[in-house]
Amino acid sequence: MPATLQTSRQLQEINRILYAKYGDCRCSLNHLNAFQLLVAVILSAQCTDKRVNEVTVNLFRKFPDVKSFATADRNELEQAIISAGLFRNKAKSIIGASQALLERFSGEVPKTMEALTSLPGVGRKTANVILGDAFEIPGFAVDTHVNRLLNRLGVVKSEVPEKIEAVVNGLLEARYWTNFSHMLILHGRETCHARTPDCEVCILRQHCKYYRNKQL
């Protein structure tokens, strides 16, 4: 069997198994609209979703819309998000993205990868989250969990998010992309931990290169 076809079938089976456990998933970052999701995803870099949700409760009260973020005092915004870590860079990105939205997109979050990634602080991962969860446009977001799992499973041999995204997008139907990313993230949090994966209870172990190698 050609390697590409084998990997495609592996991905489909992994998707099927995960769906049987997790079903239809939603982004765990609390938001009321696409702009709030944009801000939340920027804040989520090297920060847990739980902490981001704690921060945004008061943040979105203080800065309720695009204009308020675009005109925010940098120091004031930094203090409001300090517990999310990397607060200086994140404040710069949030203000810059907000200003760009006002200047180039009439204050509205755009619905294309090209437009989203033209915003300060917005890479493909952030754009894919927004496309999939705010607009229901298929997008495969590659975070650290997704990267780790797909390498351990043997689906990819790369640490480069763009390459991982391209492999999955080329082998799995677009309608599965958004939910597949969410399910991998949940499985990474619950079972396939970074340091000590719980292989003995993992529902994917029979399809996992990492697990097979452990048995040798």
N, C-alpha and C. Protein backbone atom coordinates (compact mmCIF):
# COMPACT_ATOMS: atom_id res chain seq x y z
N MET A 1 0.84 -1.20 0.00
CA MET A 1 0.00 0.00 0.00
C MET A 1 0.88 1.25 0.00
N PRO A 2 0.63 2.20 -0.90
CA PRO A 2 1.42 3.44 -0.91
C PRO A 2 1.39 4.13 0.45
N ALA A 3 2.51 4.74 0.84
CA ALA A 3 2.62 5.37 2.16
C ALA A 3 1.56 6.44 2.38
N THR A 4 1.28 7.22 1.32
CA THR A 4 0.29 8.29 1.46
C THR A 4 -1.10 7.73 1.74
N LEU A 5 -1.46 6.68 1.04
CA LEU A 5 -2.76 6.06 1.26
C LEU A 5 -2.85 5.44 2.65
N GLN A 6 -1.76 4.84 3.08
CA GLN A 6 -1.72 4.24 4.41
C GLN A 6 -1.89 5.31 5.49
N THR A 7 -1.20 6.43 5.32
CA THR A 7 -1.32 7.52 6.29
C THR A 7 -2.72 8.11 6.28
N SER A 8 -3.31 8.22 5.09
CA SER A 8 -4.68 8.73 4.99
C SER A 8 -5.65 7.83 5.74
N ARG A 9 -5.52 6.54 5.56
CA ARG A 9 -6.38 5.60 6.27
C ARG A 9 -6.14 5.65 7.77
N GLN A 10 -4.87 5.81 8.15
CA GLN A 10 -4.55 5.94 9.58
C GLN A 10 -5.23 7.16 10.18
N LEU A 11 -5.15 8.29 9.47
CA LEU A 11 -5.78 9.52 9.95
C LEU A 11 -7.30 9.36 10.07
N GLN A 12 -7.91 8.72 9.10
CA GLN A 12 -9.35 8.52 9.14
C GLN A 12 -9.75 7.65 10.34
N GLU A 13 -8.96 6.62 10.62
CA GLU A 13 -9.26 5.75 11.75
C GLU A 13 -9.05 6.47 13.07
N ILE A 14 -7.99 7.25 13.16
CA ILE A 14 -7.74 8.04 14.37
C ILE A 14 -8.88 9.02 14.60
N ASN A 15 -9.31 9.68 13.54
CA ASN A 15 -10.43 10.61 13.62
C ASN A 15 -11.70 9.90 14.09
N ARG A 16 -11.94 8.71 13.56
CA ARG A 16 -13.14 7.94 13.94
C ARG A 16 -13.10 7.55 15.42
N ILE A 17 -11.95 7.08 15.88
CA ILE A 17 -11.82 6.65 17.27
C ILE A 17 -11.98 7.83 18.22
N LEU A 18 -11.33 8.94 17.90
CA LEU A 18 -11.44 10.12 18.76
C LEU A 18 -12.87 10.65 18.78
N TYR A 19 -13.52 10.62 17.63
CA TYR A 19 -14.89 11.14 17.58
C TYR A 19 -15.83 10.30 18.43
N ALA A 20 -15.59 8.98 18.48
CA ALA A 20 -16.42 8.11 19.30
C ALA A 20 -16.34 8.49 20.77
N LYS A 21 -15.20 9.05 21.17
CA LYS A 21 -15.03 9.45 22.57
C LYS A 21 -15.43 10.90 22.82
N TYR A 22 -14.97 11.80 21.95
CA TYR A 22 -15.12 13.23 22.21
C TYR A 22 -16.29 13.88 21.48
N GLY A 23 -16.70 13.32 20.35
CA GLY A 23 -17.81 13.90 19.60
C GLY A 23 -17.48 15.27 19.04
N ASP A 24 -18.51 16.08 18.84
CA ASP A 24 -18.33 17.44 18.34
C ASP A 24 -17.81 18.34 19.46
N CYS A 25 -16.71 18.99 19.22
CA CYS A 25 -16.04 19.80 20.25
C CYS A 25 -16.16 21.29 19.93
N ARG A 26 -15.98 22.07 20.94
CA ARG A 26 -15.96 23.52 20.78
C ARG A 26 -14.68 24.07 21.38
N CYS A 27 -14.26 25.20 20.89
CA CYS A 27 -13.09 25.86 21.45
C CYS A 27 -13.33 26.17 22.92
N SER A 28 -12.36 25.88 23.75
CA SER A 28 -12.54 26.07 25.20
C SER A 28 -12.27 27.51 25.65
N LEU A 29 -11.91 28.37 24.71
CA LEU A 29 -11.71 29.79 25.04
C LEU A 29 -13.07 30.50 24.98
N ASN A 30 -13.47 31.11 26.08
CA ASN A 30 -14.77 31.78 26.13
C ASN A 30 -14.76 33.04 25.25
N HIS A 31 -15.79 33.19 24.45
CA HIS A 31 -15.89 34.37 23.57
C HIS A 31 -17.32 34.53 23.11
N LEU A 32 -17.68 35.76 22.78
CA LEU A 32 -19.02 36.07 22.29
C LEU A 32 -19.03 36.37 20.80
N ASN A 33 -17.86 36.65 20.23
CA ASN A 33 -17.77 36.98 18.81
C ASN A 33 -16.36 36.71 18.31
N ALA A 34 -16.19 36.91 17.01
CA ALA A 34 -14.90 36.59 16.38
C ALA A 34 -13.77 37.45 16.93
N PHE A 35 -14.04 38.70 17.24
CA PHE A 35 -12.97 39.56 17.75
C PHE A 35 -12.53 39.11 19.14
N GLN A 36 -13.47 38.78 20.00
CA GLN A 36 -13.09 38.28 21.33
C GLN A 36 -12.27 37.00 21.21
N LEU A 37 -12.63 36.15 20.26
CA LEU A 37 -11.86 34.91 20.06
C LEU A 37 -10.45 35.24 19.59
N LEU A 38 -10.32 36.22 18.71
CA LEU A 38 -9.01 36.65 18.25
C LEU A 38 -8.13 37.07 19.42
N VAL A 39 -8.66 37.90 20.29
CA VAL A 39 -7.91 38.36 21.46
C VAL A 39 -7.56 37.18 22.36
N ALA A 40 -8.51 36.30 22.60
CA ALA A 40 -8.29 35.16 23.48
C ALA A 40 -7.22 34.22 22.94
N VAL A 41 -7.22 34.00 21.64
CA VAL A 41 -6.21 33.11 21.06
C VAL A 41 -4.82 33.73 21.15
N ILE A 42 -4.72 35.03 20.93
CA ILE A 42 -3.43 35.71 21.10
C ILE A 42 -2.94 35.54 22.54
N LEU A 43 -3.85 35.67 23.49
CA LEU A 43 -3.48 35.51 24.91
C LEU A 43 -3.09 34.08 25.26
N SER A 44 -3.56 33.12 24.48
CA SER A 44 -3.37 31.71 24.84
C SER A 44 -1.96 31.19 24.56
N ALA A 45 -1.13 31.97 23.89
CA ALA A 45 0.24 31.53 23.61
C ALA A 45 0.97 31.24 24.92
N GLN A 46 1.47 30.02 25.08
CA GLN A 46 2.19 29.59 26.27
C GLN A 46 1.40 29.88 27.54
N CYS A 47 0.10 29.71 27.47
CA CYS A 47 -0.79 29.96 28.61
C CYS A 47 -1.97 28.99 28.50
N THR A 48 -2.47 28.52 29.63
CA THR A 48 -3.60 27.59 29.59
C THR A 48 -4.89 28.32 29.24
N ASP A 49 -5.81 27.59 28.62
CA ASP A 49 -7.10 28.19 28.28
C ASP A 49 -7.84 28.61 29.55
N LYS A 50 -7.67 27.84 30.62
CA LYS A 50 -8.33 28.18 31.89
C LYS A 50 -7.88 29.55 32.37
N ARG A 51 -6.60 29.81 32.32
CA ARG A 51 -6.08 31.11 32.76
C ARG A 51 -6.56 32.22 31.83
N VAL A 52 -6.55 31.97 30.54
CA VAL A 52 -7.03 32.98 29.59
C VAL A 52 -8.48 33.34 29.90
N ASN A 53 -9.31 32.35 30.16
CA ASN A 53 -10.72 32.62 30.47
C ASN A 53 -10.87 33.42 31.75
N GLU A 54 -9.98 33.22 32.70
CA GLU A 54 -10.01 34.01 33.92
C GLU A 54 -9.65 35.47 33.63
N VAL A 55 -8.69 35.65 32.72
CA VAL A 55 -8.24 37.00 32.37
C VAL A 55 -9.30 37.75 31.57
N THR A 56 -9.92 37.07 30.61
CA THR A 56 -10.83 37.77 29.70
C THR A 56 -12.16 38.16 30.34
N VAL A 57 -12.52 37.54 31.46
CA VAL A 57 -13.76 37.94 32.14
C VAL A 57 -13.76 39.44 32.40
N ASN A 58 -12.70 39.93 33.02
CA ASN A 58 -12.61 41.36 33.31
C ASN A 58 -12.08 42.17 32.12
N LEU A 59 -11.24 41.53 31.31
CA LEU A 59 -10.64 42.23 30.17
C LEU A 59 -11.71 42.73 29.21
N PHE A 60 -12.69 41.88 28.90
CA PHE A 60 -13.72 42.27 27.93
C PHE A 60 -14.75 43.23 28.53
N ARG A 61 -14.79 43.33 29.83
CA ARG A 61 -15.61 44.38 30.45
C ARG A 61 -14.92 45.73 30.33
N LYS A 62 -13.60 45.71 30.51
CA LYS A 62 -12.83 46.95 30.47
C LYS A 62 -12.63 47.44 29.05
N PHE A 63 -12.44 46.50 28.13
CA PHE A 63 -12.25 46.82 26.71
C PHE A 63 -13.30 46.04 25.92
N PRO A 64 -14.47 46.61 25.71
CA PRO A 64 -15.60 45.85 25.17
C PRO A 64 -15.63 45.67 23.65
N ASP A 65 -14.76 46.39 22.92
CA ASP A 65 -14.84 46.29 21.46
C ASP A 65 -13.49 46.58 20.81
N VAL A 66 -13.48 46.50 19.49
CA VAL A 66 -12.24 46.69 18.74
C VAL A 66 -11.63 48.07 19.00
N LYS A 67 -12.47 49.10 18.98
CA LYS A 67 -11.96 50.46 19.15
C LYS A 67 -11.30 50.66 20.51
N SER A 68 -11.90 50.09 21.54
CA SER A 68 -11.34 50.28 22.89
C SER A 68 -9.97 49.62 23.01
N PHE A 69 -9.76 48.49 22.32
CA PHE A 69 -8.43 47.86 22.32
C PHE A 69 -7.46 48.65 21.45
N ALA A 70 -7.93 49.15 20.33
CA ALA A 70 -7.07 49.90 19.41
C ALA A 70 -6.53 51.18 20.04
N THR A 71 -7.31 51.77 20.93
CA THR A 71 -6.92 53.03 21.56
C THR A 71 -6.46 52.84 23.00
N ALA A 72 -6.27 51.59 23.40
CA ALA A 72 -5.90 51.29 24.79
C ALA A 72 -4.51 51.81 25.12
N ASP A 73 -4.33 52.24 26.36
CA ASP A 73 -3.01 52.58 26.86
C ASP A 73 -2.23 51.27 27.02
N ARG A 74 -1.04 51.22 26.44
CA ARG A 74 -0.27 49.98 26.43
C ARG A 74 -0.02 49.45 27.85
N ASN A 75 0.39 50.33 28.74
CA ASN A 75 0.68 49.90 30.12
C ASN A 75 -0.57 49.36 30.82
N GLU A 76 -1.70 50.02 30.57
CA GLU A 76 -2.95 49.59 31.19
C GLU A 76 -3.35 48.21 30.70
N LEU A 77 -3.20 47.98 29.40
CA LEU A 77 -3.53 46.67 28.84
C LEU A 77 -2.56 45.60 29.35
N GLU A 78 -1.30 45.94 29.42
CA GLU A 78 -0.32 44.98 29.94
C GLU A 78 -0.68 44.53 31.34
N GLN A 79 -1.07 45.46 32.18
CA GLN A 79 -1.44 45.10 33.56
C GLN A 79 -2.70 44.24 33.59
N ALA A 80 -3.59 44.47 32.65
CA ALA A 80 -4.84 43.69 32.62
C ALA A 80 -4.62 42.25 32.19
N ILE A 81 -3.53 41.99 31.45
CA ILE A 81 -3.28 40.64 30.94
C ILE A 81 -2.01 40.03 31.52
N ILE A 82 -1.43 40.65 32.52
CA ILE A 82 -0.11 40.23 33.02
C ILE A 82 -0.08 38.78 33.46
N SER A 83 -1.18 38.27 34.00
CA SER A 83 -1.17 36.89 34.50
C SER A 83 -1.20 35.85 33.39
N ALA A 84 -1.40 36.29 32.15
CA ALA A 84 -1.39 35.37 31.01
C ALA A 84 0.01 35.15 30.47
N GLY A 85 1.00 35.87 31.01
CA GLY A 85 2.37 35.72 30.58
C GLY A 85 2.65 36.42 29.25
N LEU A 86 3.92 36.66 28.99
CA LEU A 86 4.34 37.32 27.74
C LEU A 86 3.49 38.56 27.47
N PHE A 87 3.15 39.27 28.54
CA PHE A 87 2.12 40.32 28.45
C PHE A 87 2.53 41.50 27.58
N ARG A 88 3.82 41.79 27.50
CA ARG A 88 4.24 42.94 26.67
C ARG A 88 4.03 42.63 25.19
N ASN A 89 4.49 41.48 24.76
CA ASN A 89 4.31 41.11 23.35
C ASN A 89 2.83 40.93 23.00
N LYS A 90 2.08 40.34 23.93
CA LYS A 90 0.66 40.10 23.67
C LYS A 90 -0.11 41.42 23.59
N ALA A 91 0.21 42.35 24.46
CA ALA A 91 -0.45 43.66 24.42
C ALA A 91 -0.15 44.36 23.10
N LYS A 92 1.10 44.29 22.67
CA LYS A 92 1.50 44.90 21.40
C LYS A 92 0.72 44.28 20.25
N SER A 93 0.60 42.95 20.25
CA SER A 93 -0.11 42.26 19.17
C SER A 93 -1.60 42.61 19.16
N ILE A 94 -2.20 42.63 20.34
CA ILE A 94 -3.63 42.90 20.44
C ILE A 94 -3.94 44.32 19.96
N ILE A 95 -3.15 45.29 20.42
CA ILE A 95 -3.37 46.67 20.00
C ILE A 95 -3.13 46.81 18.48
N GLY A 96 -2.04 46.20 18.01
CA GLY A 96 -1.72 46.28 16.58
C GLY A 96 -2.78 45.64 15.72
N ALA A 97 -3.27 44.47 16.13
CA ALA A 97 -4.31 43.78 15.36
C ALA A 97 -5.60 44.60 15.36
N SER A 98 -5.93 45.18 16.49
CA SER A 98 -7.15 45.99 16.60
C SER A 98 -7.08 47.22 15.70
N GLN A 99 -5.93 47.87 15.70
CA GLN A 99 -5.75 49.04 14.84
C GLN A 99 -5.84 48.65 13.36
N ALA A 100 -5.25 47.51 13.02
CA ALA A 100 -5.30 47.04 11.63
C ALA A 100 -6.73 46.71 11.21
N LEU A 101 -7.49 46.13 12.12
CA LEU A 101 -8.89 45.82 11.81
C LEU A 101 -9.68 47.09 11.50
N LEU A 102 -9.44 48.14 12.29
CA LEU A 102 -10.14 49.39 12.06
C LEU A 102 -9.70 50.05 10.77
N GLU A 103 -8.41 50.00 10.51
CA GLU A 103 -7.85 50.70 9.35
C GLU A 103 -8.15 49.99 8.03
N ARG A 104 -8.14 48.66 8.05
CA ARG A 104 -8.22 47.92 6.78
C ARG A 104 -9.45 47.06 6.59
N PHE A 105 -10.18 46.78 7.70
CA PHE A 105 -11.31 45.86 7.60
C PHE A 105 -12.58 46.40 8.26
N SER A 106 -12.67 47.71 8.39
CA SER A 106 -13.86 48.36 8.95
C SER A 106 -14.21 47.82 10.34
N GLY A 107 -13.19 47.38 11.06
CA GLY A 107 -13.40 46.90 12.42
C GLY A 107 -13.90 45.48 12.53
N GLU A 108 -14.05 44.81 11.37
CA GLU A 108 -14.56 43.44 11.36
C GLU A 108 -13.42 42.44 11.18
N VAL A 109 -13.51 41.30 11.84
CA VAL A 109 -12.52 40.24 11.68
C VAL A 109 -12.73 39.59 10.31
N PRO A 110 -11.70 39.54 9.48
CA PRO A 110 -11.85 38.97 8.14
C PRO A 110 -12.00 37.45 8.18
N LYS A 111 -12.44 36.89 7.05
CA LYS A 111 -12.77 35.46 6.99
C LYS A 111 -11.87 34.67 6.06
N THR A 112 -10.67 35.17 5.79
CA THR A 112 -9.73 34.43 4.95
C THR A 112 -8.39 34.30 5.66
N MET A 113 -7.68 33.22 5.34
CA MET A 113 -6.37 32.99 5.93
C MET A 113 -5.42 34.14 5.60
N GLU A 114 -5.42 34.57 4.33
CA GLU A 114 -4.51 35.64 3.91
C GLU A 114 -4.75 36.92 4.69
N ALA A 115 -6.01 37.31 4.85
CA ALA A 115 -6.32 38.54 5.56
C ALA A 115 -6.02 38.42 7.05
N LEU A 116 -6.36 37.29 7.63
CA LEU A 116 -6.12 37.10 9.07
C LEU A 116 -4.64 37.13 9.39
N THR A 117 -3.84 36.45 8.60
CA THR A 117 -2.40 36.40 8.89
C THR A 117 -1.68 37.70 8.54
N SER A 118 -2.40 38.65 7.94
CA SER A 118 -1.80 39.97 7.71
C SER A 118 -1.88 40.84 8.96
N LEU A 119 -2.64 40.38 9.96
CA LEU A 119 -2.79 41.13 11.20
C LEU A 119 -1.59 40.89 12.12
N PRO A 120 -1.12 41.91 12.83
CA PRO A 120 -0.02 41.73 13.78
C PRO A 120 -0.34 40.66 14.80
N GLY A 121 0.62 39.75 15.03
CA GLY A 121 0.46 38.73 16.06
C GLY A 121 -0.40 37.55 15.68
N VAL A 122 -0.85 37.50 14.42
CA VAL A 122 -1.73 36.41 13.99
C VAL A 122 -1.01 35.51 13.00
N GLY A 123 -0.75 34.27 13.44
CA GLY A 123 -0.15 33.28 12.56
C GLY A 123 -1.21 32.30 12.08
N ARG A 124 -0.78 31.24 11.43
CA ARG A 124 -1.73 30.29 10.86
C ARG A 124 -2.54 29.57 11.94
N LYS A 125 -1.92 29.27 13.07
CA LYS A 125 -2.67 28.58 14.13
C LYS A 125 -3.83 29.45 14.60
N THR A 126 -3.55 30.69 14.92
CA THR A 126 -4.60 31.61 15.37
C THR A 126 -5.67 31.77 14.30
N ALA A 127 -5.24 31.94 13.06
CA ALA A 127 -6.18 32.12 11.95
C ALA A 127 -7.08 30.90 11.78
N ASN A 128 -6.50 29.71 11.90
CA ASN A 128 -7.29 28.49 11.74
C ASN A 128 -8.32 28.34 12.85
N VAL A 129 -7.96 28.74 14.06
CA VAL A 129 -8.93 28.69 15.17
C VAL A 129 -10.10 29.62 14.87
N ILE A 130 -9.80 30.82 14.42
CA ILE A 130 -10.85 31.80 14.14
C ILE A 130 -11.72 31.33 12.98
N LEU A 131 -11.11 30.84 11.92
CA LEU A 131 -11.88 30.36 10.77
C LEU A 131 -12.82 29.23 11.20
N GLY A 132 -12.29 28.28 11.94
CA GLY A 132 -13.09 27.12 12.30
C GLY A 132 -14.14 27.38 13.34
N ASP A 133 -13.79 28.15 14.38
CA ASP A 133 -14.69 28.31 15.52
C ASP A 133 -15.57 29.55 15.46
N ALA A 134 -15.11 30.57 14.77
CA ALA A 134 -15.94 31.78 14.67
C ALA A 134 -16.79 31.78 13.41
N PHE A 135 -16.24 31.19 12.33
CA PHE A 135 -16.92 31.29 11.04
C PHE A 135 -17.33 29.94 10.44
N GLU A 136 -16.98 28.86 11.12
CA GLU A 136 -17.29 27.51 10.62
C GLU A 136 -16.71 27.26 9.23
N ILE A 137 -15.54 27.83 9.01
CA ILE A 137 -14.77 27.58 7.80
C ILE A 137 -13.66 26.60 8.18
N PRO A 138 -13.54 25.45 7.52
CA PRO A 138 -12.57 24.45 7.94
C PRO A 138 -11.16 25.01 8.11
N GLY A 139 -10.58 24.71 9.27
CA GLY A 139 -9.21 25.13 9.55
C GLY A 139 -8.58 24.15 10.53
N PHE A 140 -7.36 23.72 10.24
CA PHE A 140 -6.67 22.76 11.11
C PHE A 140 -5.59 23.49 11.89
N ALA A 141 -5.88 23.78 13.14
CA ALA A 141 -4.94 24.51 14.00
C ALA A 141 -3.93 23.54 14.62
N VAL A 142 -2.65 23.86 14.49
CA VAL A 142 -1.59 23.01 15.03
C VAL A 142 -0.96 23.70 16.24
N ASP A 143 -1.32 23.23 17.44
CA ASP A 143 -0.68 23.73 18.65
C ASP A 143 0.31 22.68 19.14
N THR A 144 0.83 22.85 20.35
CA THR A 144 1.85 21.92 20.85
C THR A 144 1.29 20.51 21.04
N HIS A 145 0.02 20.40 21.45
CA HIS A 145 -0.58 19.07 21.62
C HIS A 145 -0.71 18.37 20.28
N VAL A 146 -1.23 19.06 19.29
CA VAL A 146 -1.42 18.49 17.96
C VAL A 146 -0.08 18.07 17.37
N ASN A 147 0.91 18.93 17.52
CA ASN A 147 2.26 18.63 17.04
C ASN A 147 2.79 17.35 17.68
N ARG A 148 2.69 17.28 19.00
CA ARG A 148 3.21 16.12 19.74
C ARG A 148 2.49 14.83 19.35
N LEU A 149 1.17 14.85 19.32
CA LEU A 149 0.41 13.64 19.04
C LEU A 149 0.66 13.11 17.64
N LEU A 150 0.63 13.98 16.66
CA LEU A 150 0.78 13.50 15.29
C LEU A 150 2.18 12.98 15.02
N ASN A 151 3.18 13.51 15.71
CA ASN A 151 4.53 12.95 15.60
C ASN A 151 4.63 11.62 16.32
N ARG A 152 4.04 11.50 17.50
CA ARG A 152 4.07 10.23 18.21
C ARG A 152 3.30 9.14 17.47
N LEU A 153 2.18 9.52 16.91
CA LEU A 153 1.37 8.56 16.17
C LEU A 153 2.08 8.08 14.91
N GLY A 154 3.02 8.89 14.41
CA GLY A 154 3.73 8.54 13.20
C GLY A 154 3.09 9.08 11.94
N VAL A 155 2.12 9.95 12.11
CA VAL A 155 1.45 10.56 10.96
C VAL A 155 2.40 11.52 10.24
N VAL A 156 3.21 12.23 11.02
CA VAL A 156 4.17 13.18 10.45
C VAL A 156 5.54 12.96 11.09
N LYS A 157 6.56 13.50 10.42
CA LYS A 157 7.91 13.51 10.98
C LYS A 157 8.44 14.93 10.85
N SER A 158 7.79 15.83 11.51
CA SER A 158 8.16 17.25 11.42
C SER A 158 7.67 17.98 12.65
N GLU A 159 8.43 18.96 13.09
CA GLU A 159 8.02 19.82 14.20
C GLU A 159 7.52 21.17 13.68
N VAL A 160 7.46 21.31 12.37
CA VAL A 160 7.06 22.57 11.75
C VAL A 160 5.54 22.59 11.58
N PRO A 161 4.83 23.47 12.29
CA PRO A 161 3.37 23.48 12.24
C PRO A 161 2.79 23.56 10.83
N GLU A 162 3.40 24.39 9.97
CA GLU A 162 2.89 24.55 8.61
C GLU A 162 2.97 23.24 7.83
N LYS A 163 4.03 22.48 8.03
CA LYS A 163 4.18 21.20 7.34
C LYS A 163 3.18 20.18 7.87
N ILE A 164 2.96 20.18 9.19
CA ILE A 164 1.99 19.27 9.79
C ILE A 164 0.59 19.58 9.26
N GLU A 165 0.27 20.87 9.24
CA GLU A 165 -1.05 21.29 8.72
C GLU A 165 -1.23 20.84 7.28
N ALA A 166 -0.19 20.99 6.48
CA ALA A 166 -0.28 20.64 5.07
C ALA A 166 -0.51 19.14 4.89
N VAL A 167 0.15 18.32 5.70
CA VAL A 167 -0.03 16.86 5.61
C VAL A 167 -1.47 16.48 5.92
N VAL A 168 -1.98 16.99 7.03
CA VAL A 168 -3.35 16.65 7.43
C VAL A 168 -4.36 17.17 6.42
N ASN A 169 -4.19 18.40 5.99
CA ASN A 169 -5.12 18.98 5.02
C ASN A 169 -5.12 18.23 3.69
N GLY A 170 -3.98 17.62 3.37
CA GLY A 170 -3.89 16.89 2.11
C GLY A 170 -4.46 15.48 2.18
N LEU A 171 -4.64 14.96 3.39
CA LEU A 171 -5.05 13.56 3.54
C LEU A 171 -6.40 13.37 4.23
N LEU A 172 -6.92 14.41 4.86
CA LEU A 172 -8.18 14.30 5.59
C LEU A 172 -9.18 15.30 5.01
N GLU A 173 -10.42 14.90 4.85
CA GLU A 173 -11.43 15.79 4.29
C GLU A 173 -11.56 17.06 5.12
N ALA A 174 -11.76 18.18 4.42
CA ALA A 174 -11.80 19.49 5.07
C ALA A 174 -12.87 19.57 6.16
N ARG A 175 -13.98 18.88 5.98
CA ARG A 175 -15.07 18.97 6.97
C ARG A 175 -14.66 18.45 8.34
N TYR A 176 -13.56 17.70 8.41
CA TYR A 176 -13.10 17.14 9.68
C TYR A 176 -12.04 18.01 10.38
N TRP A 177 -11.43 18.95 9.65
CA TRP A 177 -10.24 19.62 10.15
C TRP A 177 -10.41 20.28 11.52
N THR A 178 -11.42 21.11 11.66
CA THR A 178 -11.58 21.88 12.90
C THR A 178 -11.79 20.96 14.09
N ASN A 179 -12.69 20.03 13.97
CA ASN A 179 -12.98 19.15 15.10
C ASN A 179 -11.83 18.20 15.39
N PHE A 180 -11.14 17.76 14.35
CA PHE A 180 -9.99 16.87 14.53
C PHE A 180 -8.93 17.55 15.38
N SER A 181 -8.67 18.81 15.12
CA SER A 181 -7.71 19.57 15.92
C SER A 181 -8.16 19.64 17.37
N HIS A 182 -9.43 19.95 17.60
CA HIS A 182 -9.94 20.02 18.97
C HIS A 182 -9.80 18.69 19.69
N MET A 183 -10.11 17.60 19.00
CA MET A 183 -10.05 16.28 19.63
C MET A 183 -8.61 15.90 19.98
N LEU A 184 -7.68 16.20 19.10
CA LEU A 184 -6.27 15.93 19.40
C LEU A 184 -5.81 16.72 20.62
N ILE A 185 -6.24 17.96 20.72
CA ILE A 185 -5.88 18.80 21.87
C ILE A 185 -6.44 18.20 23.16
N LEU A 186 -7.70 17.80 23.14
CA LEU A 186 -8.30 17.19 24.33
C LEU A 186 -7.58 15.90 24.71
N HIS A 187 -7.25 15.09 23.72
CA HIS A 187 -6.57 13.82 24.01
C HIS A 187 -5.17 14.06 24.54
N GLY A 188 -4.52 15.11 24.05
CA GLY A 188 -3.21 15.46 24.57
C GLY A 188 -3.26 15.91 26.01
N ARG A 189 -4.29 16.64 26.35
CA ARG A 189 -4.45 17.11 27.73
C ARG A 189 -4.81 15.98 28.68
N GLU A 190 -5.64 15.06 28.21
CA GLU A 190 -6.15 14.01 29.08
C GLU A 190 -5.25 12.78 29.17
N THR A 191 -4.61 12.42 28.05
CA THR A 191 -3.93 11.12 28.00
C THR A 191 -2.50 11.18 27.49
N CYS A 192 -2.30 11.78 26.32
CA CYS A 192 -0.97 11.78 25.70
C CYS A 192 -0.16 12.97 26.18
N HIS A 193 0.18 12.93 27.47
CA HIS A 193 0.88 14.05 28.09
C HIS A 193 2.30 14.19 27.53
N ALA A 194 2.83 15.39 27.64
CA ALA A 194 4.14 15.68 27.06
C ALA A 194 5.24 14.82 27.68
N ARG A 195 5.28 14.72 28.99
CA ARG A 195 6.38 14.02 29.65
C ARG A 195 6.09 12.53 29.83
N THR A 196 4.91 12.20 30.29
CA THR A 196 4.59 10.80 30.58
C THR A 196 3.24 10.43 29.98
N PRO A 197 3.22 10.08 28.71
CA PRO A 197 1.96 9.68 28.09
C PRO A 197 1.40 8.42 28.74
N ASP A 198 0.10 8.41 28.94
CA ASP A 198 -0.56 7.28 29.60
C ASP A 198 -0.97 6.26 28.54
N CYS A 199 0.03 5.59 27.99
CA CYS A 199 -0.18 4.71 26.83
C CYS A 199 -1.09 3.53 27.14
N GLU A 200 -1.06 3.04 28.36
CA GLU A 200 -1.81 1.82 28.67
C GLU A 200 -3.31 2.02 28.59
N VAL A 201 -3.78 3.24 28.75
CA VAL A 201 -5.22 3.49 28.68
C VAL A 201 -5.59 4.26 27.40
N CYS A 202 -4.61 4.48 26.54
CA CYS A 202 -4.83 5.31 25.35
C CYS A 202 -5.64 4.56 24.31
N ILE A 203 -6.69 5.18 23.82
CA ILE A 203 -7.56 4.57 22.82
C ILE A 203 -6.91 4.52 21.45
N LEU A 204 -5.77 5.21 21.29
CA LEU A 204 -5.09 5.25 19.99
C LEU A 204 -3.84 4.37 19.95
N ARG A 205 -3.57 3.64 21.00
CA ARG A 205 -2.28 2.94 21.09
C ARG A 205 -2.04 1.94 19.95
N GLN A 206 -3.10 1.33 19.45
CA GLN A 206 -2.92 0.36 18.37
C GLN A 206 -2.58 1.03 17.04
N HIS A 207 -2.70 2.33 16.98
CA HIS A 207 -2.38 3.07 15.76
C HIS A 207 -1.19 4.01 15.97
N CYS A 208 -0.43 3.76 17.05
CA CYS A 208 0.60 4.71 17.47
C CYS A 208 2.01 4.13 17.33
N LYS A 209 2.83 4.80 16.57
CA LYS A 209 4.23 4.40 16.37
C LYS A 209 5.00 4.46 17.69
N TYR A 210 4.76 5.48 18.48
CA TYR A 210 5.44 5.64 19.77
C TYR A 210 5.16 4.43 20.67
N TYR A 211 3.89 3.99 20.73
CA TYR A 211 3.51 2.86 21.57
C TYR A 211 4.13 1.57 21.04
N ARG A 212 4.12 1.38 19.74
CA ARG A 212 4.71 0.17 19.16
C ARG A 212 6.19 0.09 19.48
N ASN A 213 6.88 1.20 19.39
CA ASN A 213 8.32 1.22 19.68
C ASN A 213 8.60 0.92 21.15
N LYS A 214 7.68 1.29 22.03
CA LYS A 214 7.85 1.00 23.46
C LYS A 214 7.78 -0.49 23.73
N GLN A 215 7.06 -1.21 22.89
CA GLN A 215 6.87 -2.65 23.12
C GLN A 215 8.05 -3.49 22.61
N LEU A 216 8.95 -2.86 21.84
CA LEU A 216 10.09 -3.61 21.28
C LEU A 216 11.15 -3.90 22.34
